[in-house]
Amino acid sequence: MTINKVEKAQHELTELIDKQRIAIIKQFESITREIRYRREEENFVDNDIDELKQKLEQFTQKDTTKTIIVTNNQID
């Protein structure tokens, strides 16, 4: 019975990680598209660069603060 709970927890954690990975990829794709568009149009101004930097900083700051907290080393 305990092995089934461990396997279930492992499966749920894997799903959670996959969802987070997909969300990160989508965010990077959005920023990448914007950079490519502006580069192709040669339409970069200082404000655009500052805005893109800020988006990247917010993105990286948000993801580095995410943690998985284990409150108990036992699985019921």
Protein backbone atom coordinates (compact mmCIF):
# COMPACT_ATOMS: atom_id res chain seq x y z
CA MET A 1 0.00 0.00 0.00
CA THR A 2 2.80 2.44 0.83
CA ILE A 3 4.49 1.80 -2.52
CA ASN A 4 1.28 2.79 -4.33
CA LYS A 5 1.18 6.09 -2.44
CA VAL A 6 4.82 6.77 -3.26
CA GLU A 7 4.17 6.04 -6.94
CA LYS A 8 1.09 8.29 -6.89
CA ALA A 9 3.06 11.11 -5.26
CA GLN A 10 5.85 10.68 -7.80
CA HIS A 11 3.34 10.79 -10.67
CA GLU A 12 1.67 13.93 -9.27
CA LEU A 13 5.02 15.64 -8.83
CA THR A 14 6.03 14.74 -12.38
CA GLU A 15 2.78 16.23 -13.70
CA LEU A 16 3.31 19.39 -11.67
CA ILE A 17 6.85 19.78 -13.01
CA ASP A 18 5.66 19.20 -16.58
CA LYS A 19 2.95 21.86 -16.23
CA GLN A 20 5.49 24.34 -14.88
CA ARG A 21 7.94 23.52 -17.67
CA ILE A 22 5.25 24.14 -20.29
CA ALA A 23 4.32 27.47 -18.66
CA ILE A 24 7.97 28.57 -18.69
CA ILE A 25 8.36 27.60 -22.34
CA LYS A 26 5.27 29.62 -23.29
CA GLN A 27 6.56 32.68 -21.46
CA PHE A 28 9.95 32.46 -23.17
CA GLU A 29 8.29 31.94 -26.55
CA SER A 30 6.29 35.13 -26.08
CA ILE A 31 9.38 37.16 -25.21
CA THR A 32 11.34 35.54 -28.04
CA ARG A 33 8.63 36.40 -30.60
CA GLU A 34 8.61 40.00 -29.45
CA ILE A 35 12.39 40.29 -29.72
CA ARG A 36 12.42 38.70 -33.19
CA TYR A 37 9.62 40.94 -34.43
CA ARG A 38 11.34 44.08 -33.25
CA ARG A 39 14.67 42.94 -34.67
CA GLU A 40 13.12 42.18 -38.07
CA GLU A 41 11.38 45.53 -38.11
CA GLU A 42 14.54 47.22 -36.82
CA ASN A 43 12.19 48.90 -34.43
CA PHE A 44 14.07 48.92 -31.15
CA VAL A 45 14.11 52.01 -29.01
CA ASP A 46 15.58 52.36 -25.54
CA ASN A 47 12.16 52.01 -23.92
CA ASP A 48 11.57 48.70 -25.71
CA ILE A 49 14.89 47.33 -24.55
CA ASP A 50 14.20 48.44 -20.98
CA GLU A 51 10.73 46.88 -21.12
CA LEU A 52 12.09 43.56 -22.40
CA LYS A 53 14.79 43.57 -19.73
CA GLN A 54 12.15 44.17 -17.09
CA LYS A 55 10.00 41.29 -18.42
CA LEU A 56 12.98 38.94 -18.29
CA GLU A 57 13.92 40.08 -14.79
CA GLN A 58 10.36 39.59 -13.54
CA PHE A 59 10.20 36.19 -15.16
CA THR A 60 13.46 34.96 -13.67
CA GLN A 61 12.75 36.48 -10.27
CA LYS A 62 9.31 34.86 -10.13
CA ASP A 63 10.68 31.42 -11.01
CA THR A 64 13.60 31.52 -8.60
CA THR A 65 11.26 32.19 -5.70
CA LYS A 66 9.13 29.13 -6.40
CA THR A 67 9.90 26.20 -4.17
CA ILE A 68 8.42 22.89 -3.28
CA ILE A 69 8.18 22.54 0.45
CA VAL A 70 8.15 19.13 2.05
CA THR A 71 6.66 19.43 5.50
CA ASN A 72 6.99 15.81 6.48
CA ASN A 73 9.41 13.12 5.37
CA GLN A 74 6.76 10.44 5.80
CA ILE A 75 4.10 9.37 3.37
CA ASP A 76 0.94 8.05 5.00
